[in-house]
């Protein structure tokens, strides 16, 4: 594996990594499909935000829900 400097001009961190024992761990990919009814104005707003950030409507919904769930978890902890 070729050494690569993270962010131009920054320190090379490869010396701190043990690539012999490293493994890639992916998060669980199980998904459940749900249907959510929304008024047209809400769908339009989601589409505008998706276009603004360059992702899909579904990605915006998932990001916002994840952020809110994380905030709620920290608020009630």
PDB file of N, CA and C in Angstrom:
ATOM      1  N   UNK A   1       0.856  -1.186   0.000  1.00  0.00           N
ATOM      2  CA  UNK A   1       0.000   0.000   0.000  1.00  0.00           C
ATOM      3  C   UNK A   1       0.893   1.237   0.000  1.00  0.00           C
ATOM      4  N   UNK A   2       0.663   2.133  -0.898  1.00  0.00           N
ATOM      5  CA  UNK A   2       1.461   3.347  -1.008  1.00  0.00           C
ATOM      6  C   UNK A   2       1.123   4.307   0.120  1.00  0.00           C
ATOM      7  N   UNK A   3       2.147   4.979   0.620  1.00  0.00           N
ATOM      8  CA  UNK A   3       1.897   5.983   1.651  1.00  0.00           C
ATOM      9  C   UNK A   3       1.220   7.183   1.024  1.00  0.00           C
ATOM     10  N   UNK A   4       0.311   7.762   1.749  1.00  0.00           N
ATOM     11  CA  UNK A   4      -0.414   8.915   1.236  1.00  0.00           C
ATOM     12  C   UNK A   4      -0.521   9.942   2.354  1.00  0.00           C
ATOM     13  N   UNK A   5      -0.199  11.157   2.068  1.00  0.00           N
ATOM     14  CA  UNK A   5      -0.291  12.209   3.072  1.00  0.00           C
ATOM     15  C   UNK A   5      -1.716  12.736   3.082  1.00  0.00           C
ATOM     16  N   UNK A   6      -2.297  12.764   4.284  1.00  0.00           N
ATOM     17  CA  UNK A   6      -3.662  13.247   4.451  1.00  0.00           C
ATOM     18  C   UNK A   6      -3.629  14.764   4.454  1.00  0.00           C
ATOM     19  N   UNK A   7      -4.439  15.368   3.628  1.00  0.00           N
ATOM     20  CA  UNK A   7      -4.466  16.827   3.493  1.00  0.00           C
ATOM     21  C   UNK A   7      -3.064  17.345   3.183  1.00  0.00           C
ATOM     22  N   UNK A   8      -2.926  17.914   2.033  1.00  0.00           N
ATOM     23  CA  UNK A   8      -1.628  18.410   1.569  1.00  0.00           C
ATOM     24  C   UNK A   8      -0.845  19.119   2.674  1.00  0.00           C
ATOM     25  N   UNK A   9       0.411  18.720   2.814  1.00  0.00           N
ATOM     26  CA  UNK A   9       1.290  19.390   3.750  1.00  0.00           C
ATOM     27  C   UNK A   9       1.177  18.932   5.192  1.00  0.00           C
ATOM     28  N   UNK A  10       0.266  18.020   5.486  1.00  0.00           N
ATOM     29  CA  UNK A  10       0.105  17.553   6.860  1.00  0.00           C
ATOM     30  C   UNK A  10       1.032  16.367   7.128  1.00  0.00           C
ATOM     31  N   UNK A  11       1.129  15.983   8.387  1.00  0.00           N
ATOM     32  CA  UNK A  11       1.977  14.876   8.805  1.00  0.00           C
ATOM     33  C   UNK A  11       1.470  13.552   8.241  1.00  0.00           C
ATOM     34  N   UNK A  12       2.394  12.688   7.840  1.00  0.00           N
ATOM     35  CA  UNK A  12       2.063  11.346   7.373  1.00  0.00           C
ATOM     36  C   UNK A  12       1.811  10.482   8.605  1.00  0.00           C
ATOM     37  N   UNK A  13       0.614   9.923   8.732  1.00  0.00           N
ATOM     38  CA  UNK A  13       0.258   9.143   9.925  1.00  0.00           C
ATOM     39  C   UNK A  13       0.493   7.648   9.747  1.00  0.00           C
ATOM     40  N   UNK A  14       1.010   7.232   8.597  1.00  0.00           N
ATOM     41  CA  UNK A  14       1.182   5.808   8.317  1.00  0.00           C
ATOM     42  C   UNK A  14       2.068   5.116   9.350  1.00  0.00           C
ATOM     43  N   UNK A  15       3.031   5.827   9.918  1.00  0.00           N
ATOM     44  CA  UNK A  15       3.916   5.200  10.902  1.00  0.00           C
ATOM     45  C   UNK A  15       3.170   4.804  12.178  1.00  0.00           C
ATOM     46  N   UNK A  16       1.995   5.368  12.410  1.00  0.00           N
ATOM     47  CA  UNK A  16       1.226   5.068  13.605  1.00  0.00           C
ATOM     48  C   UNK A  16       0.237   3.918  13.400  1.00  0.00           C
ATOM     49  N   UNK A  17       0.112   3.453  12.178  1.00  0.00           N
ATOM     50  CA  UNK A  17      -0.863   2.414  11.867  1.00  0.00           C
ATOM     51  C   UNK A  17      -0.195   1.062  11.697  1.00  0.00           C
ATOM     52  N   UNK A  18      -0.867   0.020  12.154  1.00  0.00           N
ATOM     53  CA  UNK A  18      -0.401  -1.348  11.950  1.00  0.00           C
ATOM     54  C   UNK A  18      -1.287  -1.972  10.881  1.00  0.00           C
ATOM     55  N   UNK A  19      -0.851  -1.881   9.641  1.00  0.00           N
ATOM     56  CA  UNK A  19      -1.665  -2.365   8.530  1.00  0.00           C
ATOM     57  C   UNK A  19      -1.686  -3.885   8.438  1.00  0.00           C
ATOM     58  N   UNK A  20      -0.783  -4.557   9.148  1.00  0.00           N
ATOM     59  CA  UNK A  20      -0.787  -6.022   9.148  1.00  0.00           C
ATOM     60  C   UNK A  20      -2.015  -6.567   9.871  1.00  0.00           C
ATOM     61  N   UNK A  21      -2.454  -5.885  10.916  1.00  0.00           N
ATOM     62  CA  UNK A  21      -3.597  -6.390  11.690  1.00  0.00           C
ATOM     63  C   UNK A  21      -4.868  -5.573  11.458  1.00  0.00           C
ATOM     64  N   UNK A  22      -4.801  -4.615  10.555  1.00  0.00           N
ATOM     65  CA  UNK A  22      -5.970  -3.765  10.304  1.00  0.00           C
ATOM     66  C   UNK A  22      -7.046  -4.540   9.554  1.00  0.00           C
ATOM     67  N   UNK A  23      -8.287  -4.198   9.843  1.00  0.00           N
ATOM     68  CA  UNK A  23      -9.395  -4.782   9.099  1.00  0.00           C
ATOM     69  C   UNK A  23     -10.451  -3.716   8.869  1.00  0.00           C
ATOM     70  N   UNK A  24     -11.155  -3.858   7.792  1.00  0.00           N
ATOM     71  CA  UNK A  24     -12.218  -2.924   7.459  1.00  0.00           C
ATOM     72  C   UNK A  24     -13.505  -3.448   8.074  1.00  0.00           C
ATOM     73  N   UNK A  25     -14.175  -2.584   8.839  1.00  0.00           N
ATOM     74  CA  UNK A  25     -15.436  -2.967   9.464  1.00  0.00           C
ATOM     75  C   UNK A  25     -16.515  -2.037   8.930  1.00  0.00           C
ATOM     76  N   UNK A  26     -17.516  -2.613   8.316  1.00  0.00           N
ATOM     77  CA  UNK A  26     -18.618  -1.838   7.771  1.00  0.00           C
ATOM     78  C   UNK A  26     -19.792  -1.882   8.736  1.00  0.00           C
ATOM     79  N   UNK A  27     -20.530  -0.797   8.863  1.00  0.00           N
ATOM     80  CA  UNK A  27     -21.715  -0.817   9.726  1.00  0.00           C
ATOM     81  C   UNK A  27     -22.772  -1.749   9.150  1.00  0.00           C
ATOM     82  N   UNK A  28     -23.682  -2.166  10.008  1.00  0.00           N
ATOM     83  CA  UNK A  28     -24.759  -3.050   9.568  1.00  0.00           C
ATOM     84  C   UNK A  28     -25.504  -2.415   8.403  1.00  0.00           C
ATOM     85  N   UNK A  29     -25.774  -3.203   7.394  1.00  0.00           N
ATOM     86  CA  UNK A  29     -26.429  -2.684   6.196  1.00  0.00           C
ATOM     87  C   UNK A  29     -27.900  -3.073   6.133  1.00  0.00           C
ATOM     88  N   UNK A  30     -28.428  -3.585   7.226  1.00  0.00           N
ATOM     89  CA  UNK A  30     -29.840  -3.953   7.224  1.00  0.00           C
ATOM     90  C   UNK A  30     -30.680  -2.690   7.094  1.00  0.00           C
ATOM     91  N   UNK A  31     -31.655  -2.738   6.247  1.00  0.00           N
ATOM     92  CA  UNK A  31     -32.549  -1.595   6.081  1.00  0.00           C
ATOM     93  C   UNK A  31     -33.991  -2.075   6.109  1.00  0.00           C
ATOM     94  N   UNK A  32     -34.851  -1.184   6.517  1.00  0.00           N
ATOM     95  CA  UNK A  32     -36.292  -1.419   6.455  1.00  0.00           C
ATOM     96  C   UNK A  32     -36.900  -0.287   5.655  1.00  0.00           C
ATOM     97  N   UNK A  33     -37.806  -0.629   4.791  1.00  0.00           N
ATOM     98  CA  UNK A  33     -38.492   0.394   4.003  1.00  0.00           C
ATOM     99  C   UNK A  33     -39.723   0.862   4.761  1.00  0.00           C
ATOM    100  N   UNK A  34     -39.943   2.174   4.704  1.00  0.00           N
ATOM    101  CA  UNK A  34     -41.139   2.756   5.304  1.00  0.00           C
ATOM    102  C   UNK A  34     -41.765   3.707   4.299  1.00  0.00           C
ATOM    103  N   UNK A  35     -43.016   3.968   4.467  1.00  0.00           N
ATOM    104  CA  UNK A  35     -43.717   4.959   3.650  1.00  0.00           C
ATOM    105  C   UNK A  35     -44.104   6.116   4.551  1.00  0.00           C
ATOM    106  N   UNK A  36     -43.856   7.315   4.086  1.00  0.00           N
ATOM    107  CA  UNK A  36     -44.193   8.507   4.851  1.00  0.00           C
ATOM    108  C   UNK A  36     -44.969   9.446   3.935  1.00  0.00           C
ATOM    109  N   UNK A  37     -46.154   9.817   4.347  1.00  0.00           N
ATOM    110  CA  UNK A  37     -46.950  10.773   3.579  1.00  0.00           C
ATOM    111  C   UNK A  37     -46.580  12.184   4.012  1.00  0.00           C
ATOM    112  N   UNK A  38     -46.330  13.052   3.030  1.00  0.00           N
ATOM    113  CA  UNK A  38     -45.952  14.438   3.307  1.00  0.00           C
ATOM    114  C   UNK A  38     -46.727  15.362   2.388  1.00  0.00           C
ATOM    115  N   UNK A  39     -47.001  16.567   2.866  1.00  0.00           N
ATOM    116  CA  UNK A  39     -47.649  17.544   1.994  1.00  0.00           C
ATOM    117  C   UNK A  39     -46.672  17.994   0.903  1.00  0.00           C
ATOM    118  N   UNK A  40     -47.202  18.438  -0.218  1.00  0.00           N
ATOM    119  CA  UNK A  40     -46.344  18.853  -1.339  1.00  0.00           C
ATOM    120  C   UNK A  40     -45.296  19.904  -0.972  1.00  0.00           C
ATOM    121  N   UNK A  41     -45.644  20.859  -0.117  1.00  0.00           N
ATOM    122  CA  UNK A  41     -44.675  21.901   0.232  1.00  0.00           C
ATOM    123  C   UNK A  41     -43.449  21.307   0.923  1.00  0.00           C
ATOM    124  N   UNK A  42     -43.658  20.238   1.707  1.00  0.00           N
ATOM    125  CA  UNK A  42     -42.550  19.611   2.416  1.00  0.00           C
ATOM    126  C   UNK A  42     -41.647  18.850   1.434  1.00  0.00           C
ATOM    127  N   UNK A  43     -42.251  18.153   0.499  1.00  0.00           N
ATOM    128  CA  UNK A  43     -41.480  17.439  -0.525  1.00  0.00           C
ATOM    129  C   UNK A  43     -40.683  18.438  -1.359  1.00  0.00           C
ATOM    130  N   UNK A  44     -41.306  19.553  -1.715  1.00  0.00           N
ATOM    131  CA  UNK A  44     -40.614  20.589  -2.489  1.00  0.00           C
ATOM    132  C   UNK A  44     -39.421  21.149  -1.718  1.00  0.00           C
ATOM    133  N   UNK A  45     -39.606  21.381  -0.421  1.00  0.00           N
ATOM    134  CA  UNK A  45     -38.514  21.901   0.409  1.00  0.00           C
ATOM    135  C   UNK A  45     -37.375  20.884   0.500  1.00  0.00           C
ATOM    136  N   UNK A  46     -37.716  19.623   0.636  1.00  0.00           N
ATOM    137  CA  UNK A  46     -36.691  18.573   0.674  1.00  0.00           C
ATOM    138  C   UNK A  46     -35.930  18.515  -0.652  1.00  0.00           C
ATOM    139  N   UNK A  47     -36.657  18.639  -1.753  1.00  0.00           N
ATOM    140  CA  UNK A  47     -36.018  18.615  -3.070  1.00  0.00           C
ATOM    141  C   UNK A  47     -35.076  19.802  -3.259  1.00  0.00           C
ATOM    142  N   UNK A  48     -35.473  20.975  -2.777  1.00  0.00           N
ATOM    143  CA  UNK A  48     -34.601  22.155  -2.880  1.00  0.00           C
ATOM    144  C   UNK A  48     -33.319  21.939  -2.079  1.00  0.00           C
ATOM    145  N   UNK A  49     -33.458  21.410  -0.869  1.00  0.00           N
ATOM    146  CA  UNK A  49     -32.280  21.162  -0.034  1.00  0.00           C
ATOM    147  C   UNK A  49     -31.388  20.095  -0.662  1.00  0.00           C
ATOM    148  N   UNK A  50     -31.991  19.056  -1.197  1.00  0.00           N
ATOM    149  CA  UNK A  50     -31.217  17.996  -1.848  1.00  0.00           C
ATOM    150  C   UNK A  50     -30.423  18.555  -3.025  1.00  0.00           C
ATOM    151  N   UNK A  51     -31.049  19.390  -3.813  1.00  0.00           N
ATOM    152  CA  UNK A  51     -30.366  20.001  -4.957  1.00  0.00           C
ATOM    153  C   UNK A  51     -29.246  20.924  -4.487  1.00  0.00           C
ATOM    154  N   UNK A  52     -29.505  21.669  -3.416  1.00  0.00           N
ATOM    155  CA  UNK A  52     -28.509  22.610  -2.892  1.00  0.00           C
ATOM    156  C   UNK A  52     -27.236  21.888  -2.457  1.00  0.00           C
ATOM    157  N   UNK A  53     -27.396  20.742  -1.781  1.00  0.00           N
ATOM    158  CA  UNK A  53     -26.217  20.029  -1.274  1.00  0.00           C
ATOM    159  C   UNK A  53     -25.745  18.918  -2.208  1.00  0.00           C
ATOM    160  N   UNK A  54     -26.482  18.674  -3.290  1.00  0.00           N
ATOM    161  CA  UNK A  54     -26.042  17.710  -4.288  1.00  0.00           C
ATOM    162  C   UNK A  54     -26.226  16.255  -3.913  1.00  0.00           C
ATOM    163  N   UNK A  55     -27.312  15.970  -3.203  1.00  0.00           N
ATOM    164  CA  UNK A  55     -27.625  14.585  -2.832  1.00  0.00           C
ATOM    165  C   UNK A  55     -29.086  14.304  -3.172  1.00  0.00           C
ATOM    166  N   UNK A  56     -29.520  13.096  -2.902  1.00  0.00           N
ATOM    167  CA  UNK A  56     -30.913  12.746  -3.172  1.00  0.00           C
ATOM    168  C   UNK A  56     -31.820  13.207  -2.038  1.00  0.00           C
ATOM    169  N   UNK A  57     -33.099  13.260  -2.326  1.00  0.00           N
ATOM    170  CA  UNK A  57     -34.096  13.586  -1.300  1.00  0.00           C
ATOM    171  C   UNK A  57     -33.988  12.593  -0.140  1.00  0.00           C
ATOM    172  N   UNK A  58     -33.850  11.329  -0.467  1.00  0.00           N
ATOM    173  CA  UNK A  58     -33.750  10.305   0.571  1.00  0.00           C
ATOM    174  C   UNK A  58     -32.531  10.535   1.461  1.00  0.00           C
ATOM    175  N   UNK A  59     -31.417  10.938   0.867  1.00  0.00           N
ATOM    176  CA  UNK A  59     -30.211  11.206   1.651  1.00  0.00           C
ATOM    177  C   UNK A  59     -30.436  12.364   2.616  1.00  0.00           C
ATOM    178  N   UNK A  60     -31.125  13.406   2.169  1.00  0.00           N
ATOM    179  CA  UNK A  60     -31.434  14.541   3.047  1.00  0.00           C
ATOM    180  C   UNK A  60     -32.285  14.070   4.221  1.00  0.00           C
ATOM    181  N   UNK A  61     -33.317  13.310   3.937  1.00  0.00           N
ATOM    182  CA  UNK A  61     -34.199  12.824   4.997  1.00  0.00           C
ATOM    183  C   UNK A  61     -33.410  11.978   5.990  1.00  0.00           C
ATOM    184  N   UNK A  62     -32.581  11.075   5.491  1.00  0.00           N
ATOM    185  CA  UNK A  62     -31.803  10.206   6.379  1.00  0.00           C
ATOM    186  C   UNK A  62     -30.808  11.001   7.222  1.00  0.00           C
ATOM    187  N   UNK A  63     -30.146  11.993   6.604  1.00  0.00           N
ATOM    188  CA  UNK A  63     -29.190  12.819   7.352  1.00  0.00           C
ATOM    189  C   UNK A  63     -29.897  13.593   8.457  1.00  0.00           C
ATOM    190  N   UNK A  64     -31.018  14.237   8.103  1.00  0.00           N
ATOM    191  CA  UNK A  64     -31.739  15.041   9.087  1.00  0.00           C
ATOM    192  C   UNK A  64     -32.294  14.179  10.212  1.00  0.00           C
ATOM    193  N   UNK A  65     -32.835  13.026   9.875  1.00  0.00           N
ATOM    194  CA  UNK A  65     -33.357  12.142  10.921  1.00  0.00           C
ATOM    195  C   UNK A  65     -32.232  11.649  11.828  1.00  0.00           C
ATOM    196  N   UNK A  66     -31.103  11.283  11.242  1.00  0.00           N
ATOM    197  CA  UNK A  66     -29.970  10.817  12.045  1.00  0.00           C
ATOM    198  C   UNK A  66     -29.472  11.917  12.974  1.00  0.00           C
ATOM    199  N   UNK A  67     -29.375  13.146  12.461  1.00  0.00           N
ATOM    200  CA  UNK A  67     -28.936  14.268  13.294  1.00  0.00           C
ATOM    201  C   UNK A  67     -29.898  14.497  14.450  1.00  0.00           C
ATOM    202  N   UNK A  68     -31.185  14.463  14.167  1.00  0.00           N
ATOM    203  CA  UNK A  68     -32.185  14.709  15.210  1.00  0.00           C
ATOM    204  C   UNK A  68     -32.189  13.592  16.242  1.00  0.00           C
ATOM    205  N   UNK A  69     -32.108  12.341  15.785  1.00  0.00           N
ATOM    206  CA  UNK A  69     -32.090  11.217  16.717  1.00  0.00           C
ATOM    207  C   UNK A  69     -30.850  11.261  17.604  1.00  0.00           C
ATOM    208  N   UNK A  70     -29.710  11.640  17.025  1.00  0.00           N
ATOM    209  CA  UNK A  70     -28.484  11.769  17.807  1.00  0.00           C
ATOM    210  C   UNK A  70     -28.618  12.882  18.840  1.00  0.00           C
ATOM    211  N   UNK A  71     -29.176  14.018  18.434  1.00  0.00           N
ATOM    212  CA  UNK A  71     -29.372  15.140  19.362  1.00  0.00           C
ATOM    213  C   UNK A  71     -30.317  14.750  20.491  1.00  0.00           C
ATOM    214  N   UNK A  72     -31.385  14.059  20.166  1.00  0.00           N
ATOM    215  CA  UNK A  72     -32.334  13.626  21.195  1.00  0.00           C
ATOM    216  C   UNK A  72     -31.689  12.633  22.150  1.00  0.00           C
ATOM    217  N   UNK A  73     -30.872  11.735  21.628  1.00  0.00           N
ATOM    218  CA  UNK A  73     -30.197  10.748  22.475  1.00  0.00           C
ATOM    219  C   UNK A  73     -29.261  11.437  23.461  1.00  0.00           C
ATOM    220  N   UNK A  74     -28.558  12.477  23.001  1.00  0.00           N
ATOM    221  CA  UNK A  74     -27.641  13.198  23.883  1.00  0.00           C
ATOM    222  C   UNK A  74     -28.395  14.107  24.857  1.00  0.00           C
ATOM    223  N   UNK A  75     -29.539  14.602  24.437  1.00  0.00           N
ATOM    224  CA  UNK A  75     -30.333  15.480  25.297  1.00  0.00           C
ATOM    225  C   UNK A  75     -30.930  14.712  26.467  1.00  0.00           C
ATOM    226  N   UNK A  76     -31.353  13.495  26.215  1.00  0.00           N
ATOM    227  CA  UNK A  76     -32.018  12.711  27.259  1.00  0.00           C
ATOM    228  C   UNK A  76     -31.055  11.824  28.035  1.00  0.00           C
ATOM    229  N   UNK A  77     -29.788  11.803  27.637  1.00  0.00           N
ATOM    230  CA  UNK A  77     -28.812  10.935  28.317  1.00  0.00           C
ATOM    231  C   UNK A  77     -28.354  11.530  29.627  1.00  0.00           C
TER     232      UNK A  77
END
